[in-house]
C-alpha atoms as a PDB file:
ATOM      1  CA  MET A   1     183.650  91.760  38.688  1.00  0.00           C
ATOM      2  CA  PHE A   2     179.931  91.323  37.866  1.00  0.00           C
ATOM      3  CA  GLY A   3     179.337  89.039  40.622  1.00  0.00           C
ATOM      4  CA  LYS A   4     182.099  86.578  39.653  1.00  0.00           C
ATOM      5  CA  ASN A   5     184.933  85.611  41.966  1.00  0.00           C
ATOM      6  CA  VAL A   6     183.382  87.640  44.792  1.00  0.00           C
ATOM      7  CA  SER A   7     184.089  86.333  48.340  1.00  0.00           C
ATOM      8  CA  GLU A   8     181.191  85.738  50.692  1.00  0.00           C
ATOM      9  CA  ARG A   9     182.425  88.313  52.923  1.00  0.00           C
ATOM     10  CA  GLU A  10     182.295  90.922  50.082  1.00  0.00           C
ATOM     11  CA  LYS A  11     178.763  89.581  49.303  1.00  0.00           C
ATOM     12  CA  SER A  12     177.454  90.270  52.690  1.00  0.00           C
ATOM     13  CA  LEU A  13     179.562  93.461  53.418  1.00  0.00           C
ATOM     14  CA  LEU A  14     179.541  95.510  50.129  1.00  0.00           C
ATOM     15  CA  PRO A  15     175.528  95.740  50.063  1.00  0.00           C
ATOM     16  CA  VAL A  16     175.401  97.027  53.682  1.00  0.00           C
ATOM     17  CA  VAL A  17     178.294  99.581  53.024  1.00  0.00           C
ATOM     18  CA  ALA A  18     176.802 100.710  49.819  1.00  0.00           C
ATOM     19  CA  ALA A  19     173.218 101.048  51.239  1.00  0.00           C
ATOM     20  CA  ALA A  20     174.649 103.183  54.163  1.00  0.00           C
ATOM     21  CA  ILE A  21     176.499 105.483  51.932  1.00  0.00           C
ATOM     22  CA  TYR A  22     173.463 105.534  49.573  1.00  0.00           C
ATOM     23  CA  ALA A  23     171.067 106.527  52.464  1.00  0.00           C
ATOM     24  CA  ALA A  24     173.439 109.270  53.495  1.00  0.00           C
ATOM     25  CA  ALA A  25     173.583 110.587  49.953  1.00  0.00           C
ATOM     26  CA  VAL A  26     169.843 110.637  49.708  1.00  0.00           C
ATOM     27  CA  LEU A  27     169.585 112.515  52.908  1.00  0.00           C
ATOM     28  CA  LEU A  28     172.236 114.976  51.604  1.00  0.00           C
ATOM     29  CA  TYR A  29     170.083 115.557  48.386  1.00  0.00           C
ATOM     30  CA  PHE A  30     167.055 116.776  50.555  1.00  0.00           C
ATOM     31  CA  LEU A  31     169.186 119.051  52.547  1.00  0.00           C
ATOM     32  CA  PRO A  32     169.548 122.690  51.408  1.00  0.00           C
ATOM     33  CA  VAL A  33     173.189 122.177  50.348  1.00  0.00           C
ATOM     34  CA  ASP A  34     174.475 123.341  46.978  1.00  0.00           C
ATOM     35  CA  ILE A  35     176.336 120.691  45.597  1.00  0.00           C
ATOM     36  CA  PRO A  36     176.599 120.188  41.814  1.00  0.00           C
ATOM     37  CA  TYR A  37     174.925 117.172  40.615  1.00  0.00           C
ATOM     38  CA  LYS A  38     174.030 115.949  44.066  1.00  0.00           C
ATOM     39  CA  ILE A  39     170.891 114.356  42.742  1.00  0.00           C
ATOM     40  CA  SER A  40     173.044 111.702  40.948  1.00  0.00           C
ATOM     41  CA  VAL A  41     175.426 110.972  43.895  1.00  0.00           C
ATOM     42  CA  PRO A  42     173.309 107.996  45.351  1.00  0.00           C
ATOM     43  CA  THR A  43     172.723 106.211  42.336  1.00  0.00           C
ATOM     44  CA  VAL A  44     176.405 106.606  41.312  1.00  0.00           C
ATOM     45  CA  VAL A  45     177.394 105.149  44.564  1.00  0.00           C
ATOM     46  CA  ILE A  46     175.446 101.821  44.157  1.00  0.00           C
ATOM     47  CA  ALA A  47     176.286 101.848  40.297  1.00  0.00           C
ATOM     48  CA  ALA A  48     179.984 101.778  41.381  1.00  0.00           C
ATOM     49  CA  VAL A  49     179.590  98.983  43.846  1.00  0.00           C
ATOM     50  CA  SER A  50     177.391  96.962  41.437  1.00  0.00           C
ATOM     51  CA  LEU A  51     180.256  96.553  39.080  1.00  0.00           C
ATOM     52  CA  ARG A  52     181.890  94.244  41.688  1.00  0.00           C
ATOM     53  CA  ILE A  53     178.826  92.201  42.984  1.00  0.00           C
ATOM     54  CA  LEU A  54     175.761  92.500  40.620  1.00  0.00           C
ATOM     55  CA  PRO A  55     175.127  90.714  37.261  1.00  0.00           C
ATOM     56  CA  TRP A  56     176.176  92.972  34.377  1.00  0.00           C
ATOM     57  CA  GLN A  57     172.739  93.610  33.100  1.00  0.00           C
ATOM     58  CA  MET A  58     171.683  95.114  36.511  1.00  0.00           C
ATOM     59  CA  SER A  59     174.927  96.964  36.834  1.00  0.00           C
ATOM     60  CA  PHE A  60     174.581  98.642  33.480  1.00  0.00           C
ATOM     61  CA  ALA A  61     170.987  99.627  34.312  1.00  0.00           C
ATOM     62  CA  LEU A  62     172.319 101.517  37.293  1.00  0.00           C
ATOM     63  CA  ILE A  63     175.096 103.120  35.466  1.00  0.00           C
ATOM     64  CA  ALA A  64     172.489 104.232  32.739  1.00  0.00           C
ATOM     65  CA  SER A  65     170.264 105.527  35.553  1.00  0.00           C
ATOM     66  CA  ALA A  66     173.207 107.557  37.115  1.00  0.00           C
ATOM     67  CA  LEU A  67     173.915 108.981  33.635  1.00  0.00           C
ATOM     68  CA  GLY A  68     170.384 109.792  33.370  1.00  0.00           C
ATOM     69  CA  ASP A  69     170.358 111.733  36.804  1.00  0.00           C
ATOM     70  CA  ILE A  70     173.481 113.678  35.618  1.00  0.00           C
ATOM     71  CA  SER A  71     171.691 114.541  32.360  1.00  0.00           C
ATOM     72  CA  GLY A  72     168.704 115.779  34.284  1.00  0.00           C
ATOM     73  CA  ALA A  73     170.761 117.808  36.600  1.00  0.00           C
ATOM     74  CA  ALA A  74     172.406 119.455  33.658  1.00  0.00           C
ATOM     75  CA  GLY A  75     169.037 120.292  32.335  1.00  0.00           C
ATOM     76  CA  SER A  76     168.985 117.791  29.424  1.00  0.00           C
ATOM     77  CA  PHE A  77     165.422 116.270  29.465  1.00  0.00           C
ATOM     78  CA  MET A  78     166.083 114.369  26.302  1.00  0.00           C
ATOM     79  CA  GLY A  79     169.438 113.039  27.594  1.00  0.00           C
ATOM     80  CA  GLN A  80     167.541 112.011  30.780  1.00  0.00           C
ATOM     81  CA  VAL A  81     164.830 110.258  28.803  1.00  0.00           C
ATOM     82  CA  GLU A  82     167.430 108.472  26.567  1.00  0.00           C
ATOM     83  CA  PHE A  83     169.659 107.318  29.514  1.00  0.00           C
ATOM     84  CA  PHE A  84     166.604 106.023  31.461  1.00  0.00           C
ATOM     85  CA  SER A  85     165.297 104.169  28.352  1.00  0.00           C
ATOM     86  CA  VAL A  86     168.617 102.356  28.123  1.00  0.00           C
ATOM     87  CA  ALA A  87     168.459 101.528  31.909  1.00  0.00           C
ATOM     88  CA  HIS A  88     164.929 100.001  31.516  1.00  0.00           C
ATOM     89  CA  LEU A  89     166.216  98.058  28.556  1.00  0.00           C
ATOM     90  CA  PHE A  90     168.923  96.560  30.645  1.00  0.00           C
ATOM     91  CA  LEU A  91     166.420  95.840  33.528  1.00  0.00           C
ATOM     92  CA  ILE A  92     164.331  93.993  31.007  1.00  0.00           C
ATOM     93  CA  MET A  93     167.404  92.055  29.754  1.00  0.00           C
ATOM     94  CA  PHE A  94     168.143  91.099  33.491  1.00  0.00           C
ATOM     95  CA  PHE A  95     164.552  89.908  34.242  1.00  0.00           C
ATOM     96  CA  VAL A  96     164.400  87.937  30.911  1.00  0.00           C
ATOM     97  CA  HIS A  97     167.727  86.221  31.854  1.00  0.00           C
ATOM     98  CA  ARG A  98     166.473  85.553  35.341  1.00  0.00           C
ATOM     99  CA  TRP A  99     163.270  84.208  34.020  1.00  0.00           C
ATOM    100  CA  PHE A 100     164.989  81.434  31.988  1.00  0.00           C
ATOM    101  CA  HIS A 101     168.082  80.813  34.280  1.00  0.00           C
ATOM    102  CA  ASP A 102     166.962  81.216  37.823  1.00  0.00           C
ATOM    103  CA  ARG A 103     167.482  77.631  38.995  1.00  0.00           C
ATOM    104  CA  ALA A 104     165.929  78.459  42.386  1.00  0.00           C
ATOM    105  CA  ALA A 105     162.657  79.472  40.536  1.00  0.00           C
ATOM    106  CA  PHE A 106     162.667  76.219  38.635  1.00  0.00           C
ATOM    107  CA  ALA A 107     162.858  74.265  41.767  1.00  0.00           C
ATOM    108  CA  ARG A 108     160.106  76.115  43.436  1.00  0.00           C
ATOM    109  CA  ALA A 109     158.000  75.435  40.455  1.00  0.00           C
ATOM    110  CA  GLY A 110     158.723  71.629  40.797  1.00  0.00           C
ATOM    111  CA  GLY A 111     161.038  71.527  37.716  1.00  0.00           C
ATOM    112  CA  HIS A 112     158.857  73.391  35.329  1.00  0.00           C
ATOM    113  CA  HIS A 113     159.037  76.878  34.011  1.00  0.00           C
ATOM    114  CA  PRO A 114     158.820  79.350  36.867  1.00  0.00           C
ATOM    115  CA  GLU A 115     155.605  80.944  35.629  1.00  0.00           C
ATOM    116  CA  THR A 116     153.076  78.390  34.394  1.00  0.00           C
ATOM    117  CA  LYS A 117     149.709  80.145  34.879  1.00  0.00           C
ATOM    118  CA  PRO A 118     148.572  81.822  31.723  1.00  0.00           C
ATOM    119  CA  ALA A 119     145.760  83.565  33.609  1.00  0.00           C
ATOM    120  CA  ARG A 120     148.250  85.253  35.825  1.00  0.00           C
ATOM    121  CA  ILE A 121     150.125  86.632  32.953  1.00  0.00           C
ATOM    122  CA  ILE A 122     147.029  87.944  31.267  1.00  0.00           C
ATOM    123  CA  VAL A 123     146.025  89.752  34.472  1.00  0.00           C
ATOM    124  CA  LEU A 124     149.361  91.428  34.821  1.00  0.00           C
ATOM    125  CA  ALA A 125     149.588  92.312  31.142  1.00  0.00           C
ATOM    126  CA  ALA A 126     146.101  93.908  31.439  1.00  0.00           C
ATOM    127  CA  ILE A 127     147.107  95.944  34.570  1.00  0.00           C
ATOM    128  CA  VAL A 128     150.304  97.064  32.694  1.00  0.00           C
ATOM    129  CA  LEU A 129     148.456  97.959  29.511  1.00  0.00           C
ATOM    130  CA  GLY A 130     145.914  99.998  31.502  1.00  0.00           C
ATOM    131  CA  ILE A 131     148.848 101.980  33.017  1.00  0.00           C
ATOM    132  CA  LEU A 132     150.247 102.511  29.547  1.00  0.00           C
ATOM    133  CA  VAL A 133     147.031 103.602  28.213  1.00  0.00           C
ATOM    134  CA  PHE A 134     146.577 106.098  31.156  1.00  0.00           C
ATOM    135  CA  ALA A 135     150.027 107.503  30.463  1.00  0.00           C
ATOM    136  CA  MET A 136     149.305 107.826  26.768  1.00  0.00           C
ATOM    137  CA  ILE A 137     145.947 109.558  27.148  1.00  0.00           C
ATOM    138  CA  ARG A 138     146.640 111.728  30.267  1.00  0.00           C
ATOM    139  CA  ILE A 139     150.267 112.533  29.932  1.00  0.00           C
ATOM    140  CA  VAL A 140     151.916 111.724  26.683  1.00  0.00           C
ATOM    141  CA  SER A 141     149.229 113.583  24.857  1.00  0.00           C
ATOM    142  CA  ASP A 142     150.050 116.777  26.664  1.00  0.00           C
ATOM    143  CA  ALA A 143     153.815 116.682  25.798  1.00  0.00           C
ATOM    144  CA  PRO A 144     155.037 119.141  23.149  1.00  0.00           C
ATOM    145  CA  ALA A 145     154.235 117.696  19.706  1.00  0.00           C
ATOM    146  CA  GLY A 146     157.058 116.292  17.681  1.00  0.00           C
ATOM    147  CA  ILE A 147     160.298 114.489  18.827  1.00  0.00           C
ATOM    148  CA  VAL A 148     159.574 115.198  22.454  1.00  0.00           C
ATOM    149  CA  ARG A 149     156.171 113.645  22.432  1.00  0.00           C
ATOM    150  CA  GLY A 150     157.485 110.666  20.385  1.00  0.00           C
ATOM    151  CA  CYS A 151     160.269 110.029  22.798  1.00  0.00           C
ATOM    152  CA  VAL A 152     158.144 110.342  25.838  1.00  0.00           C
ATOM    153  CA  ALA A 153     155.648 107.807  24.260  1.00  0.00           C
ATOM    154  CA  MET A 154     158.562 105.361  23.492  1.00  0.00           C
ATOM    155  CA  TYR A 155     159.677 105.936  27.122  1.00  0.00           C
ATOM    156  CA  ALA A 156     156.299 105.081  28.387  1.00  0.00           C
ATOM    157  CA  VAL A 157     156.284 101.860  26.336  1.00  0.00           C
ATOM    158  CA  ILE A 158     159.754 100.789  27.517  1.00  0.00           C
ATOM    159  CA  ILE A 159     158.989 101.396  31.173  1.00  0.00           C
ATOM    160  CA  CYS A 160     155.889  99.578  31.030  1.00  0.00           C
ATOM    161  CA  MET A 161     157.623  96.599  29.411  1.00  0.00           C
ATOM    162  CA  MET A 162     160.029  96.777  32.429  1.00  0.00           C
ATOM    163  CA  LEU A 163     157.258  96.709  34.831  1.00  0.00           C
ATOM    164  CA  PHE A 164     155.600  93.694  33.276  1.00  0.00           C
ATOM    165  CA  CYS A 165     158.912  91.905  33.337  1.00  0.00           C
ATOM    166  CA  ALA A 166     159.322  92.687  37.092  1.00  0.00           C
ATOM    167  CA  LEU A 167     155.750  91.571  37.891  1.00  0.00           C
ATOM    168  CA  VAL A 168     156.195  88.168  36.428  1.00  0.00           C
ATOM    169  CA  GLN A 169     159.352  87.467  38.376  1.00  0.00           C
ATOM    170  CA  ARG A 170     157.494  86.269  41.503  1.00  0.00           C
ATOM    171  CA  SER A 171     159.517  88.695  43.563  1.00  0.00           C
ATOM    172  CA  ARG A 172     157.682  91.271  45.664  1.00  0.00           C
ATOM    173  CA  VAL A 173     160.829  93.349  45.971  1.00  0.00           C
ATOM    174  CA  TYR A 174     161.318  93.616  42.179  1.00  0.00           C
ATOM    175  CA  ALA A 175     157.613  94.307  41.631  1.00  0.00           C
ATOM    176  CA  ALA A 176     157.443  96.985  44.241  1.00  0.00           C
ATOM    177  CA  ALA A 177     160.523  98.538  42.975  1.00  0.00           C
ATOM    178  CA  ALA A 178     159.166  98.682  39.427  1.00  0.00           C
ATOM    179  CA  PHE A 179     155.932 100.095  40.542  1.00  0.00           C
ATOM    180  CA  LEU A 180     157.848 102.864  42.525  1.00  0.00           C
ATOM    181  CA  PHE A 181     159.817 103.626  39.407  1.00  0.00           C
ATOM    182  CA  VAL A 182     156.755 103.886  37.232  1.00  0.00           C
ATOM    183  CA  PHE A 183     155.059 106.160  39.847  1.00  0.00           C
ATOM    184  CA  SER A 184     158.027 108.460  40.056  1.00  0.00           C
ATOM    185  CA  ASP A 185     158.270 108.860  36.280  1.00  0.00           C
ATOM    186  CA  ALA A 186     154.452 109.371  36.139  1.00  0.00           C
ATOM    187  CA  VAL A 187     154.683 112.354  38.538  1.00  0.00           C
ATOM    188  CA  ILE A 188     157.607 113.606  36.560  1.00  0.00           C
ATOM    189  CA  GLY A 189     155.498 113.518  33.350  1.00  0.00           C
ATOM    190  CA  TRP A 190     152.403 114.950  34.950  1.00  0.00           C
ATOM    191  CA  ASN A 191     154.361 117.711  36.636  1.00  0.00           C
ATOM    192  CA  ALA A 192     156.074 118.512  33.254  1.00  0.00           C
ATOM    193  CA  PHE A 193     153.255 118.313  30.921  1.00  0.00           C
ATOM    194  CA  VAL A 194     149.883 118.317  32.659  1.00  0.00           C
ATOM    195  CA  GLY A 195     150.033 120.590  35.874  1.00  0.00           C
ATOM    196  CA  GLN A 196     151.867 121.320  38.954  1.00  0.00           C
ATOM    197  CA  VAL A 197     152.140 118.692  41.514  1.00  0.00           C
ATOM    198  CA  ARG A 198     152.321 119.661  44.980  1.00  0.00           C
ATOM    199  CA  GLY A 199     155.487 118.176  46.779  1.00  0.00           C
ATOM    200  CA  GLU A 200     156.772 116.954  43.464  1.00  0.00           C
ATOM    201  CA  LYS A 201     160.423 116.675  44.651  1.00  0.00           C
ATOM    202  CA  TYR A 202     159.370 114.168  47.382  1.00  0.00           C
ATOM    203  CA  LEU A 203     156.920 112.373  45.275  1.00  0.00           C
ATOM    204  CA  ILE A 204     159.452 112.007  42.574  1.00  0.00           C
ATOM    205  CA  MET A 205     162.740 111.490  44.315  1.00  0.00           C
ATOM    206  CA  LEU A 206     161.661 109.294  47.397  1.00  0.00           C
ATOM    207  CA  PRO A 207     159.924 106.554  45.309  1.00  0.00           C
ATOM    208  CA  TYR A 208     162.858 106.763  42.643  1.00  0.00           C
ATOM    209  CA  TYR A 209     165.674 106.432  45.220  1.00  0.00           C
ATOM    210  CA  ALA A 210     163.669 103.553  47.131  1.00  0.00           C
ATOM    211  CA  ALA A 211     163.342 101.633  43.777  1.00  0.00           C
ATOM    212  CA  GLN A 212     167.035 101.952  42.841  1.00  0.00           C
ATOM    213  CA  LEU A 213     167.970 100.769  46.217  1.00  0.00           C
ATOM    214  CA  MET A 214     165.565  97.856  46.238  1.00  0.00           C
ATOM    215  CA  PHE A 215     166.693  96.726  42.713  1.00  0.00           C
ATOM    216  CA  PHE A 216     170.370  96.937  43.987  1.00  0.00           C
ATOM    217  CA  LEU A 217     169.759  94.962  47.381  1.00  0.00           C
ATOM    218  CA  ARG A 218     167.574  92.236  45.665  1.00  0.00           C
ATOM    219  CA  ALA A 219     169.910  91.610  42.789  1.00  0.00           C
ATOM    220  CA  ALA A 220     172.656  91.298  45.282  1.00  0.00           C
ATOM    221  CA  HIS A 221     170.571  88.755  47.085  1.00  0.00           C
ATOM    222  CA  PHE A 222     170.804  90.692  50.320  1.00  0.00           C
ATOM    223  CA  ASN A 223     168.417  89.487  53.054  1.00  0.00           C
ATOM    224  CA  VAL A 224     167.799  92.376  55.292  1.00  0.00           C
ATOM    225  CA  CYS A 225     165.977  90.137  58.016  1.00  0.00           C
ATOM    226  CA  GLY A 226     168.893  87.634  57.763  1.00  0.00           C
ATOM    227  CA  PHE A 227     171.497  90.380  58.312  1.00  0.00           C
ATOM    228  CA  LEU A 228     169.485  91.713  61.281  1.00  0.00           C
ATOM    229  CA  LYS A 229     169.427  88.295  62.918  1.00  0.00           C
ATOM    230  CA  LYS A 230     173.091  87.915  62.494  1.00  0.00           C
ATOM    231  CA  LYS A 231     173.550  90.963  64.522  1.00  0.00           C
END
């Protein structure tokens, strides 16, 4: 459980099976089929598999995301915000742990800390801060005053912290997944508080589903190119 005592066969097979079922569940979501809570099915699938093969932080992040999807399907916007806030906090914990304990990253850095360039950190922090400022000015400010606006503002801070932590991992997959997650939530916020977005279903859900799958496969150390070569 949580990536411990897992055979090599399970490590190579479970991500493939989970990804295939995930893709089928995503397709099902976009089909005109009336299934209760079908929006949550893809994330529930990889969250369940993650309990076996992923570190507990990433696994709990996926579980919290699945609960957020269920809350959203049930019409609870605040529940959705709360569960996804928890999901991003677990992602932050995962990235922080990886930052300090990834031996491969230390080896690549010549035995030093994986990130040794302050200028790079400053640039990334400036980018993330710019995204946060934009969100606060253009989206959060239009949310209903009171607890809703406060929760949305807090969520914006948390997801931007997650984005920054993902960007400093020196992983293109984690960085891309985090950006897709932020983009998806930005569209949700804009559509909810600012104005109608055309094709919002696809602009929200496709980046979101892609981000979750990328987080899952990268945390499972699944190499798509390596898998295809074996075939």
